Amino acid sequence: MFVKDNMSTKDKLITCVIYTVAFSAISILLLITIFIFRKGAPLIFKIGIPNFIMNKTWAPLGSQYGIFSMIMGTIWITAGAMIIGIPLGVSCSIYLVEYAPLIIRKILKPIIELLAGIPSVVYGFIGVVMLAPFIRIHMGGPGLSVLAGSIILGIMILPTIVGISIDTLQAVPNSYREGALALGATKWQSIYKVVLPAARNGIIASIILGMGRAIGETMAVIMVTGNSANVPHSILDPVRTLTSNIALEMGYATGDHQQALFSTGIVLFIFIMIINTNHLLKIYFYYLLYLPLQFFVL
């Protein structure tokens, strides 16, 4: 009886500690959210939401705080990164799980995961030294552009997409594959008809996490995109994203200018919340990726 009561006390203590840690993390996130909205919301209501979101002019010295160009720059960069990162990441995952020998998988997977440990400033340096001059010489434009940022971010999100997609594909029971092959399907048909639909939720989750990484990246984007606060009309145009705008100007901003940067953070926060909570986005990626794949294969 004494042992039973003692174990019960330990269980209650461990449960209490877990709840405390969990609610501490939630409380910290809540406090950060309250702080951002408290600092940024007054300016949004002062100048008006339409004027803040749709105005293309960002001129703090002239009290012009329009972030439309930064929103478009973020969308262009993120879309370009996903166009590059999704096919590479998902294809790499399919190869490593379904086609590669076990020894190759054990070697390549850790190497790909190591890419996540490389500092973003290193990616940005490589983009400035190698990628931007190549784009400027062979494609035109200043080199520091949407294309350069998209390529760098597309590479940076690969570890996220590949790592989670591999785990998801490996979690699909082998009986699914064996059943498809027993019914006369080829290796590839069993993959895109059976394995990919079964692993769809996990793959979409990896894509959404990769998109969150692309939207939130700052240092590499600052270095390779040119930081021009104008709406891009080509992938060779320089742009400024929401994150780079905050990082570049927060060090010296005061008054309404500082509040405008916090307001930019609110917009960025809303973007991330939409990505992580909107189930329609999952449906969109399903029709964007899997159904066209079936169409071209068939």
C-alpha atoms as a PDB file:
ATOM      1  CA  MET A   1       0.000   0.000   0.000  1.00  0.00           C
ATOM      2  CA  PHE A   2       2.880   2.325   0.866  1.00  0.00           C
ATOM      3  CA  VAL A   3       4.537   1.686  -2.518  1.00  0.00           C
ATOM      4  CA  LYS A   4       1.287   2.247  -4.348  1.00  0.00           C
ATOM      5  CA  ASP A   5       0.710   5.613  -2.642  1.00  0.00           C
ATOM      6  CA  ASN A   6       4.345   6.597  -3.277  1.00  0.00           C
ATOM      7  CA  MET A   7       4.064   5.822  -6.985  1.00  0.00           C
ATOM      8  CA  SER A   8       0.790   7.710  -7.164  1.00  0.00           C
ATOM      9  CA  THR A   9       2.461  10.756  -5.661  1.00  0.00           C
ATOM     10  CA  LYS A  10       5.291  10.555  -8.185  1.00  0.00           C
ATOM     11  CA  ASP A  11       2.820  10.292 -11.045  1.00  0.00           C
ATOM     12  CA  LYS A  12       0.941  13.329  -9.796  1.00  0.00           C
ATOM     13  CA  LEU A  13       4.177  15.275  -9.424  1.00  0.00           C
ATOM     14  CA  ILE A  14       5.317  14.384 -12.952  1.00  0.00           C
ATOM     15  CA  THR A  15       1.897  15.282 -14.324  1.00  0.00           C
ATOM     16  CA  CYS A  16       2.010  18.620 -12.537  1.00  0.00           C
ATOM     17  CA  VAL A  17       5.470  19.378 -13.927  1.00  0.00           C
ATOM     18  CA  ILE A  18       4.386  18.481 -17.476  1.00  0.00           C
ATOM     19  CA  TYR A  19       1.284  20.668 -17.213  1.00  0.00           C
ATOM     20  CA  THR A  20       3.369  23.533 -15.833  1.00  0.00           C
ATOM     21  CA  VAL A  21       5.905  23.353 -18.654  1.00  0.00           C
ATOM     22  CA  ALA A  22       3.170  23.025 -21.284  1.00  0.00           C
ATOM     23  CA  PHE A  23       1.196  25.997 -19.999  1.00  0.00           C
ATOM     24  CA  SER A  24       4.397  28.008 -19.625  1.00  0.00           C
ATOM     25  CA  ALA A  25       5.112  27.582 -23.347  1.00  0.00           C
ATOM     26  CA  ILE A  26       1.539  28.522 -24.209  1.00  0.00           C
ATOM     27  CA  SER A  27       1.693  31.515 -21.872  1.00  0.00           C
ATOM     28  CA  ILE A  28       4.928  32.755 -23.469  1.00  0.00           C
ATOM     29  CA  LEU A  29       3.380  32.538 -26.943  1.00  0.00           C
ATOM     30  CA  LEU A  30       0.287  34.349 -25.673  1.00  0.00           C
ATOM     31  CA  LEU A  31       2.389  37.123 -24.131  1.00  0.00           C
ATOM     32  CA  ILE A  32       4.361  37.543 -27.368  1.00  0.00           C
ATOM     33  CA  THR A  33       1.108  37.784 -29.315  1.00  0.00           C
ATOM     34  CA  ILE A  34      -0.345  40.342 -26.912  1.00  0.00           C
ATOM     35  CA  PHE A  35       2.875  42.383 -27.044  1.00  0.00           C
ATOM     36  CA  ILE A  36       2.940  42.472 -30.849  1.00  0.00           C
ATOM     37  CA  PHE A  37      -0.714  43.444 -31.158  1.00  0.00           C
ATOM     38  CA  ARG A  38      -0.421  46.013 -28.361  1.00  0.00           C
ATOM     39  CA  LYS A  39       2.509  47.696 -30.123  1.00  0.00           C
ATOM     40  CA  GLY A  40       1.256  47.467 -33.687  1.00  0.00           C
ATOM     41  CA  ALA A  41      -2.532  47.650 -33.627  1.00  0.00           C
ATOM     42  CA  PRO A  42      -2.795  51.389 -32.739  1.00  0.00           C
ATOM     43  CA  LEU A  43      -1.060  52.465 -35.945  1.00  0.00           C
ATOM     44  CA  ILE A  44      -3.195  50.160 -38.084  1.00  0.00           C
ATOM     45  CA  PHE A  45      -6.358  51.706 -36.688  1.00  0.00           C
ATOM     46  CA  LYS A  46      -4.830  55.179 -36.892  1.00  0.00           C
ATOM     47  CA  ILE A  47      -4.123  55.103 -40.620  1.00  0.00           C
ATOM     48  CA  GLY A  48      -6.779  52.518 -41.524  1.00  0.00           C
ATOM     49  CA  ILE A  49      -6.448  48.887 -42.482  1.00  0.00           C
ATOM     50  CA  PRO A  50      -7.010  49.470 -46.255  1.00  0.00           C
ATOM     51  CA  ASN A  51      -4.404  52.230 -46.328  1.00  0.00           C
ATOM     52  CA  PHE A  52      -1.900  50.100 -44.446  1.00  0.00           C
ATOM     53  CA  ILE A  53      -2.433  46.934 -46.491  1.00  0.00           C
ATOM     54  CA  MET A  54      -3.083  48.319 -49.973  1.00  0.00           C
ATOM     55  CA  ASN A  55      -0.827  51.381 -50.068  1.00  0.00           C
ATOM     56  CA  LYS A  56       2.315  50.729 -52.132  1.00  0.00           C
ATOM     57  CA  THR A  57       4.374  53.556 -50.648  1.00  0.00           C
ATOM     58  CA  TRP A  58       6.695  52.857 -47.719  1.00  0.00           C
ATOM     59  CA  ALA A  59       8.259  56.190 -46.730  1.00  0.00           C
ATOM     60  CA  PRO A  60       8.544  56.528 -42.936  1.00  0.00           C
ATOM     61  CA  LEU A  61      10.037  60.033 -43.187  1.00  0.00           C
ATOM     62  CA  GLY A  62       6.897  61.114 -45.027  1.00  0.00           C
ATOM     63  CA  SER A  63       4.551  59.204 -42.699  1.00  0.00           C
ATOM     64  CA  GLN A  64       3.664  56.782 -45.495  1.00  0.00           C
ATOM     65  CA  TYR A  65       3.345  53.247 -44.149  1.00  0.00           C
ATOM     66  CA  GLY A  66       2.037  51.096 -46.971  1.00  0.00           C
ATOM     67  CA  ILE A  67       3.193  47.478 -46.968  1.00  0.00           C
ATOM     68  CA  PHE A  68       1.520  46.210 -50.138  1.00  0.00           C
ATOM     69  CA  SER A  69       4.853  45.962 -51.953  1.00  0.00           C
ATOM     70  CA  MET A  70       6.316  43.929 -49.056  1.00  0.00           C
ATOM     71  CA  ILE A  71       3.296  41.640 -49.003  1.00  0.00           C
ATOM     72  CA  MET A  72       3.680  40.989 -52.730  1.00  0.00           C
ATOM     73  CA  GLY A  73       7.412  40.485 -52.317  1.00  0.00           C
ATOM     74  CA  THR A  74       6.795  37.909 -49.584  1.00  0.00           C
ATOM     75  CA  ILE A  75       4.220  36.114 -51.738  1.00  0.00           C
ATOM     76  CA  TRP A  76       6.520  36.052 -54.784  1.00  0.00           C
ATOM     77  CA  ILE A  77       9.510  34.788 -52.817  1.00  0.00           C
ATOM     78  CA  THR A  78       7.489  32.157 -50.957  1.00  0.00           C
ATOM     79  CA  ALA A  79       5.729  30.954 -54.094  1.00  0.00           C
ATOM     80  CA  GLY A  80       9.037  30.667 -55.932  1.00  0.00           C
ATOM     81  CA  ALA A  81      10.599  28.763 -53.046  1.00  0.00           C
ATOM     82  CA  MET A  82       7.684  26.326 -52.951  1.00  0.00           C
ATOM     83  CA  ILE A  83       7.801  25.806 -56.730  1.00  0.00           C
ATOM     84  CA  ILE A  84      11.452  24.838 -56.375  1.00  0.00           C
ATOM     85  CA  GLY A  85      11.335  23.065 -53.029  1.00  0.00           C
ATOM     86  CA  ILE A  86       8.176  20.944 -53.333  1.00  0.00           C
ATOM     87  CA  PRO A  87       9.101  18.906 -56.440  1.00  0.00           C
ATOM     88  CA  LEU A  88      12.696  18.457 -55.260  1.00  0.00           C
ATOM     89  CA  GLY A  89      11.727  17.554 -51.712  1.00  0.00           C
ATOM     90  CA  VAL A  90       8.876  15.168 -52.487  1.00  0.00           C
ATOM     91  CA  SER A  91      10.779  13.504 -55.348  1.00  0.00           C
ATOM     92  CA  CYS A  92      13.842  13.047 -53.150  1.00  0.00           C
ATOM     93  CA  SER A  93      11.674  11.502 -50.431  1.00  0.00           C
ATOM     94  CA  ILE A  94      10.040   9.083 -52.869  1.00  0.00           C
ATOM     95  CA  TYR A  95      13.421   8.031 -54.219  1.00  0.00           C
ATOM     96  CA  LEU A  96      14.999   7.474 -50.815  1.00  0.00           C
ATOM     97  CA  VAL A  97      12.046   5.460 -49.477  1.00  0.00           C
ATOM     98  CA  GLU A  98      10.884   3.541 -52.527  1.00  0.00           C
ATOM     99  CA  TYR A  99      13.889   3.142 -54.822  1.00  0.00           C
ATOM    100  CA  ALA A 100      17.188   3.779 -53.035  1.00  0.00           C
ATOM    101  CA  PRO A 101      19.083   0.899 -51.394  1.00  0.00           C
ATOM    102  CA  LEU A 102      19.098   0.967 -47.605  1.00  0.00           C
ATOM    103  CA  ILE A 103      22.767   1.961 -47.435  1.00  0.00           C
ATOM    104  CA  ILE A 104      22.151   4.948 -49.741  1.00  0.00           C
ATOM    105  CA  ARG A 105      19.184   6.047 -47.622  1.00  0.00           C
ATOM    106  CA  LYS A 106      21.237   5.864 -44.428  1.00  0.00           C
ATOM    107  CA  ILE A 107      23.922   8.036 -45.996  1.00  0.00           C
ATOM    108  CA  LEU A 108      21.819  10.617 -47.837  1.00  0.00           C
ATOM    109  CA  LYS A 109      19.113  11.278 -45.262  1.00  0.00           C
ATOM    110  CA  PRO A 110      21.503  12.539 -42.544  1.00  0.00           C
ATOM    111  CA  ILE A 111      23.340  14.628 -45.124  1.00  0.00           C
ATOM    112  CA  ILE A 112      20.088  16.295 -46.202  1.00  0.00           C
ATOM    113  CA  GLU A 113      19.084  16.860 -42.590  1.00  0.00           C
ATOM    114  CA  LEU A 114      22.456  18.521 -41.963  1.00  0.00           C
ATOM    115  CA  LEU A 115      21.403  21.272 -44.393  1.00  0.00           C
ATOM    116  CA  ALA A 116      19.014  22.507 -41.690  1.00  0.00           C
ATOM    117  CA  GLY A 117      21.987  23.165 -39.417  1.00  0.00           C
ATOM    118  CA  ILE A 118      23.767  25.487 -41.836  1.00  0.00           C
ATOM    119  CA  PRO A 119      23.301  29.131 -40.717  1.00  0.00           C
ATOM    120  CA  SER A 120      21.091  31.172 -42.990  1.00  0.00           C
ATOM    121  CA  VAL A 121      23.838  33.776 -43.382  1.00  0.00           C
ATOM    122  CA  VAL A 122      25.952  31.105 -45.106  1.00  0.00           C
ATOM    123  CA  TYR A 123      23.170  30.463 -47.615  1.00  0.00           C
ATOM    124  CA  GLY A 124      22.890  34.206 -48.146  1.00  0.00           C
ATOM    125  CA  PHE A 125      26.651  34.560 -48.649  1.00  0.00           C
ATOM    126  CA  ILE A 126      26.644  31.790 -51.257  1.00  0.00           C
ATOM    127  CA  GLY A 127      23.727  33.510 -52.978  1.00  0.00           C
ATOM    128  CA  VAL A 128      25.527  36.864 -53.068  1.00  0.00           C
ATOM    129  CA  VAL A 129      28.886  35.485 -54.213  1.00  0.00           C
ATOM    130  CA  MET A 130      27.786  32.824 -56.701  1.00  0.00           C
ATOM    131  CA  LEU A 131      24.072  32.871 -57.520  1.00  0.00           C
ATOM    132  CA  ALA A 132      23.414  36.595 -57.943  1.00  0.00           C
ATOM    133  CA  PRO A 133      26.348  37.194 -60.353  1.00  0.00           C
ATOM    134  CA  PHE A 134      25.294  34.149 -62.385  1.00  0.00           C
ATOM    135  CA  ILE A 135      21.730  35.489 -62.712  1.00  0.00           C
ATOM    136  CA  ARG A 136      22.974  38.992 -63.563  1.00  0.00           C
ATOM    137  CA  ILE A 137      25.345  37.768 -66.296  1.00  0.00           C
ATOM    138  CA  HIS A 138      23.177  35.107 -67.926  1.00  0.00           C
ATOM    139  CA  MET A 139      19.617  36.345 -67.333  1.00  0.00           C
ATOM    140  CA  GLY A 140      19.886  40.089 -66.783  1.00  0.00           C
ATOM    141  CA  GLY A 141      18.706  42.344 -64.023  1.00  0.00           C
ATOM    142  CA  PRO A 142      20.630  43.270 -60.890  1.00  0.00           C
ATOM    143  CA  GLY A 143      21.089  39.650 -59.831  1.00  0.00           C
ATOM    144  CA  LEU A 144      19.730  40.239 -56.334  1.00  0.00           C
ATOM    145  CA  SER A 145      16.155  39.389 -57.120  1.00  0.00           C
ATOM    146  CA  VAL A 146      13.053  37.276 -56.610  1.00  0.00           C
ATOM    147  CA  LEU A 147      14.698  34.415 -58.482  1.00  0.00           C
ATOM    148  CA  ALA A 148      17.799  34.427 -56.281  1.00  0.00           C
ATOM    149  CA  GLY A 149      15.713  34.523 -53.112  1.00  0.00           C
ATOM    150  CA  SER A 150      13.418  31.757 -54.345  1.00  0.00           C
ATOM    151  CA  ILE A 151      16.327  29.452 -55.188  1.00  0.00           C
ATOM    152  CA  ILE A 152      18.030  30.006 -51.833  1.00  0.00           C
ATOM    153  CA  LEU A 153      14.801  29.513 -49.862  1.00  0.00           C
ATOM    154  CA  GLY A 154      13.871  26.509 -52.001  1.00  0.00           C
ATOM    155  CA  ILE A 155      17.115  24.868 -50.910  1.00  0.00           C
ATOM    156  CA  MET A 156      16.682  25.934 -47.289  1.00  0.00           C
ATOM    157  CA  ILE A 157      13.249  24.305 -46.928  1.00  0.00           C
ATOM    158  CA  LEU A 158      14.405  20.984 -48.410  1.00  0.00           C
ATOM    159  CA  PRO A 159      15.426  19.425 -45.057  1.00  0.00           C
ATOM    160  CA  THR A 160      11.968  20.140 -43.617  1.00  0.00           C
ATOM    161  CA  ILE A 161      10.064  18.693 -46.555  1.00  0.00           C
ATOM    162  CA  VAL A 162      12.379  15.722 -47.105  1.00  0.00           C
ATOM    163  CA  GLY A 163      12.687  14.730 -43.446  1.00  0.00           C
ATOM    164  CA  ILE A 164       8.977  14.722 -42.658  1.00  0.00           C
ATOM    165  CA  SER A 165       7.991  13.214 -46.016  1.00  0.00           C
ATOM    166  CA  ILE A 166      10.437  10.321 -45.574  1.00  0.00           C
ATOM    167  CA  ASP A 167       9.021   9.518 -42.138  1.00  0.00           C
ATOM    168  CA  THR A 168       5.490   9.709 -43.524  1.00  0.00           C
ATOM    169  CA  LEU A 169       6.221   7.435 -46.494  1.00  0.00           C
ATOM    170  CA  GLN A 170       7.988   4.926 -44.263  1.00  0.00           C
ATOM    171  CA  ALA A 171       4.937   4.862 -41.995  1.00  0.00           C
ATOM    172  CA  VAL A 172       2.728   3.568 -44.856  1.00  0.00           C
ATOM    173  CA  PRO A 173       2.311  -0.203 -44.239  1.00  0.00           C
ATOM    174  CA  ASN A 174       4.101  -2.469 -46.699  1.00  0.00           C
ATOM    175  CA  SER A 175       0.864  -4.382 -47.126  1.00  0.00           C
ATOM    176  CA  TYR A 176      -0.445  -1.429 -49.162  1.00  0.00           C
ATOM    177  CA  ARG A 177       2.415  -1.760 -51.618  1.00  0.00           C
ATOM    178  CA  GLU A 178       2.195  -5.555 -51.720  1.00  0.00           C
ATOM    179  CA  GLY A 179      -1.547  -5.409 -52.314  1.00  0.00           C
ATOM    180  CA  ALA A 180      -1.148  -2.989 -55.217  1.00  0.00           C
ATOM    181  CA  LEU A 181       1.606  -5.082 -56.786  1.00  0.00           C
ATOM    182  CA  ALA A 182      -0.484  -8.242 -56.327  1.00  0.00           C
ATOM    183  CA  LEU A 183      -3.318  -6.605 -58.276  1.00  0.00           C
ATOM    184  CA  GLY A 184      -0.983  -6.018 -61.233  1.00  0.00           C
ATOM    185  CA  ALA A 185       0.153  -2.439 -60.596  1.00  0.00           C
ATOM    186  CA  THR A 186       3.658  -1.434 -61.537  1.00  0.00           C
ATOM    187  CA  LYS A 187       6.088  -0.045 -58.989  1.00  0.00           C
ATOM    188  CA  TRP A 188       5.334   3.542 -59.954  1.00  0.00           C
ATOM    189  CA  GLN A 189       1.581   2.956 -60.115  1.00  0.00           C
ATOM    190  CA  SER A 190       1.616   1.530 -56.588  1.00  0.00           C
ATOM    191  CA  ILE A 191       3.472   4.634 -55.418  1.00  0.00           C
ATOM    192  CA  TYR A 192       1.256   7.341 -56.887  1.00  0.00           C
ATOM    193  CA  LYS A 193      -2.007   5.402 -56.656  1.00  0.00           C
ATOM    194  CA  VAL A 194      -1.593   3.919 -53.180  1.00  0.00           C
ATOM    195  CA  VAL A 195       1.421   5.165 -51.211  1.00  0.00           C
ATOM    196  CA  LEU A 196       1.149   8.893 -51.947  1.00  0.00           C
ATOM    197  CA  PRO A 197      -2.584   9.106 -51.122  1.00  0.00           C
ATOM    198  CA  ALA A 198      -1.961   7.218 -47.877  1.00  0.00           C
ATOM    199  CA  ALA A 199       0.871   9.587 -46.958  1.00  0.00           C
ATOM    200  CA  ARG A 200      -0.875  12.715 -48.245  1.00  0.00           C
ATOM    201  CA  ASN A 201      -1.554  14.355 -44.857  1.00  0.00           C
ATOM    202  CA  GLY A 202       2.048  14.010 -43.709  1.00  0.00           C
ATOM    203  CA  ILE A 203       3.453  15.299 -46.992  1.00  0.00           C
ATOM    204  CA  ILE A 204       1.121  18.291 -46.905  1.00  0.00           C
ATOM    205  CA  ALA A 205       2.170  18.955 -43.312  1.00  0.00           C
ATOM    206  CA  SER A 206       5.818  19.008 -44.412  1.00  0.00           C
ATOM    207  CA  ILE A 207       4.983  21.446 -47.205  1.00  0.00           C
ATOM    208  CA  ILE A 208       3.109  23.749 -44.837  1.00  0.00           C
ATOM    209  CA  LEU A 209       6.016  23.720 -42.381  1.00  0.00           C
ATOM    210  CA  GLY A 210       8.374  24.445 -45.255  1.00  0.00           C
ATOM    211  CA  MET A 211       6.210  27.361 -46.303  1.00  0.00           C
ATOM    212  CA  GLY A 212       6.304  28.705 -42.761  1.00  0.00           C
ATOM    213  CA  ARG A 213      10.095  28.511 -42.858  1.00  0.00           C
ATOM    214  CA  ALA A 214      10.173  30.352 -46.186  1.00  0.00           C
ATOM    215  CA  ILE A 215       7.885  33.143 -44.969  1.00  0.00           C
ATOM    216  CA  GLY A 216       9.792  33.597 -41.720  1.00  0.00           C
ATOM    217  CA  GLU A 217      13.338  33.544 -43.103  1.00  0.00           C
ATOM    218  CA  THR A 218      15.129  36.878 -42.714  1.00  0.00           C
ATOM    219  CA  MET A 219      18.926  36.957 -43.020  1.00  0.00           C
ATOM    220  CA  ALA A 220      19.317  35.054 -46.287  1.00  0.00           C
ATOM    221  CA  VAL A 221      16.442  37.010 -47.816  1.00  0.00           C
ATOM    222  CA  ILE A 222      18.000  40.333 -46.849  1.00  0.00           C
ATOM    223  CA  MET A 223      21.258  39.348 -48.544  1.00  0.00           C
ATOM    224  CA  VAL A 224      19.963  38.039 -51.886  1.00  0.00           C
ATOM    225  CA  THR A 225      16.725  39.868 -52.764  1.00  0.00           C
ATOM    226  CA  GLY A 226      17.920  43.459 -53.214  1.00  0.00           C
ATOM    227  CA  ASN A 227      15.567  44.973 -50.583  1.00  0.00           C
ATOM    228  CA  SER A 228      13.718  47.262 -52.966  1.00  0.00           C
ATOM    229  CA  ALA A 229      10.362  48.342 -51.532  1.00  0.00           C
ATOM    230  CA  ASN A 230       8.583  48.090 -54.888  1.00  0.00           C
ATOM    231  CA  VAL A 231       6.013  45.683 -56.270  1.00  0.00           C
ATOM    232  CA  PRO A 232       7.866  43.114 -58.424  1.00  0.00           C
ATOM    233  CA  HIS A 233       6.798  42.626 -62.027  1.00  0.00           C
ATOM    234  CA  SER A 234       9.360  39.960 -62.914  1.00  0.00           C
ATOM    235  CA  ILE A 235      11.327  37.257 -61.157  1.00  0.00           C
ATOM    236  CA  LEU A 236      14.437  39.290 -61.972  1.00  0.00           C
ATOM    237  CA  ASP A 237      13.229  42.325 -59.999  1.00  0.00           C
ATOM    238  CA  PRO A 238      14.582  43.091 -56.511  1.00  0.00           C
ATOM    239  CA  VAL A 239      12.038  42.904 -53.683  1.00  0.00           C
ATOM    240  CA  ARG A 240      11.683  43.433 -49.962  1.00  0.00           C
ATOM    241  CA  THR A 241       9.792  40.978 -47.778  1.00  0.00           C
ATOM    242  CA  LEU A 242       7.912  41.618 -44.547  1.00  0.00           C
ATOM    243  CA  THR A 243      10.604  40.002 -42.417  1.00  0.00           C
ATOM    244  CA  SER A 244      13.487  41.832 -44.058  1.00  0.00           C
ATOM    245  CA  ASN A 245      11.632  45.135 -43.696  1.00  0.00           C
ATOM    246  CA  ILE A 246      11.391  44.608 -39.936  1.00  0.00           C
ATOM    247  CA  ALA A 247      15.016  43.515 -39.568  1.00  0.00           C
ATOM    248  CA  LEU A 248      16.423  46.353 -41.675  1.00  0.00           C
ATOM    249  CA  GLU A 249      14.625  49.224 -39.934  1.00  0.00           C
ATOM    250  CA  MET A 250      13.824  48.164 -36.367  1.00  0.00           C
ATOM    251  CA  GLY A 251      17.272  49.190 -35.117  1.00  0.00           C
ATOM    252  CA  TYR A 252      16.668  52.916 -35.643  1.00  0.00           C
ATOM    253  CA  ALA A 253      12.870  53.197 -35.828  1.00  0.00           C
ATOM    254  CA  THR A 254      10.966  55.333 -33.306  1.00  0.00           C
ATOM    255  CA  GLY A 255       7.410  56.553 -32.831  1.00  0.00           C
ATOM    256  CA  ASP A 256       4.958  55.724 -35.610  1.00  0.00           C
ATOM    257  CA  HIS A 257       7.751  54.167 -37.647  1.00  0.00           C
ATOM    258  CA  GLN A 258       8.414  51.616 -34.906  1.00  0.00           C
ATOM    259  CA  GLN A 259       4.694  50.952 -34.524  1.00  0.00           C
ATOM    260  CA  ALA A 260       4.457  50.392 -38.278  1.00  0.00           C
ATOM    261  CA  LEU A 261       7.115  47.703 -38.042  1.00  0.00           C
ATOM    262  CA  PHE A 262       5.193  45.998 -35.244  1.00  0.00           C
ATOM    263  CA  SER A 263       2.108  46.273 -37.454  1.00  0.00           C
ATOM    264  CA  THR A 264       4.079  44.513 -40.159  1.00  0.00           C
ATOM    265  CA  GLY A 265       4.739  41.792 -37.618  1.00  0.00           C
ATOM    266  CA  ILE A 266       0.989  41.487 -37.038  1.00  0.00           C
ATOM    267  CA  VAL A 267       0.413  40.896 -40.755  1.00  0.00           C
ATOM    268  CA  LEU A 268       3.194  38.318 -40.766  1.00  0.00           C
ATOM    269  CA  PHE A 269       1.678  36.665 -37.697  1.00  0.00           C
ATOM    270  CA  ILE A 270      -1.701  36.453 -39.438  1.00  0.00           C
ATOM    271  CA  PHE A 271      -0.066  34.877 -42.506  1.00  0.00           C
ATOM    272  CA  ILE A 272       1.509  32.168 -40.353  1.00  0.00           C
ATOM    273  CA  MET A 273      -1.751  31.537 -38.510  1.00  0.00           C
ATOM    274  CA  ILE A 274      -3.635  31.125 -41.795  1.00  0.00           C
ATOM    275  CA  ILE A 275      -1.043  28.671 -43.095  1.00  0.00           C
ATOM    276  CA  ASN A 276      -1.185  26.544 -39.952  1.00  0.00           C
ATOM    277  CA  THR A 277      -4.939  26.523 -39.409  1.00  0.00           C
ATOM    278  CA  ASN A 278      -6.636  26.732 -42.803  1.00  0.00           C
ATOM    279  CA  HIS A 279      -7.680  23.258 -43.961  1.00  0.00           C
ATOM    280  CA  LEU A 280      -8.537  24.659 -47.392  1.00  0.00           C
ATOM    281  CA  LEU A 281      -4.795  25.136 -47.930  1.00  0.00           C
ATOM    282  CA  LYS A 282      -4.302  21.389 -47.504  1.00  0.00           C
ATOM    283  CA  ILE A 283      -6.952  20.719 -50.129  1.00  0.00           C
ATOM    284  CA  TYR A 284      -5.289  23.261 -52.421  1.00  0.00           C
ATOM    285  CA  PHE A 285      -1.918  21.543 -52.203  1.00  0.00           C
ATOM    286  CA  TYR A 286      -3.557  18.188 -52.827  1.00  0.00           C
ATOM    287  CA  TYR A 287      -5.061  19.381 -56.086  1.00  0.00           C
ATOM    288  CA  LEU A 288      -1.880  21.279 -56.960  1.00  0.00           C
ATOM    289  CA  LEU A 289       0.451  18.316 -56.511  1.00  0.00           C
ATOM    290  CA  TYR A 290      -1.191  14.934 -56.611  1.00  0.00           C
ATOM    291  CA  LEU A 291      -3.958  15.303 -59.194  1.00  0.00           C
ATOM    292  CA  PRO A 292      -1.713  16.913 -61.861  1.00  0.00           C
ATOM    293  CA  LEU A 293       0.781  14.115 -61.224  1.00  0.00           C
ATOM    294  CA  GLN A 294      -1.922  11.545 -61.996  1.00  0.00           C
ATOM    295  CA  PHE A 295      -2.920  13.463 -65.130  1.00  0.00           C
ATOM    296  CA  PHE A 296       0.583  13.576 -66.599  1.00  0.00           C
ATOM    297  CA  VAL A 297       1.386   9.976 -65.696  1.00  0.00           C
ATOM    298  CA  LEU A 298      -1.831   8.636 -67.144  1.00  0.00           C
END
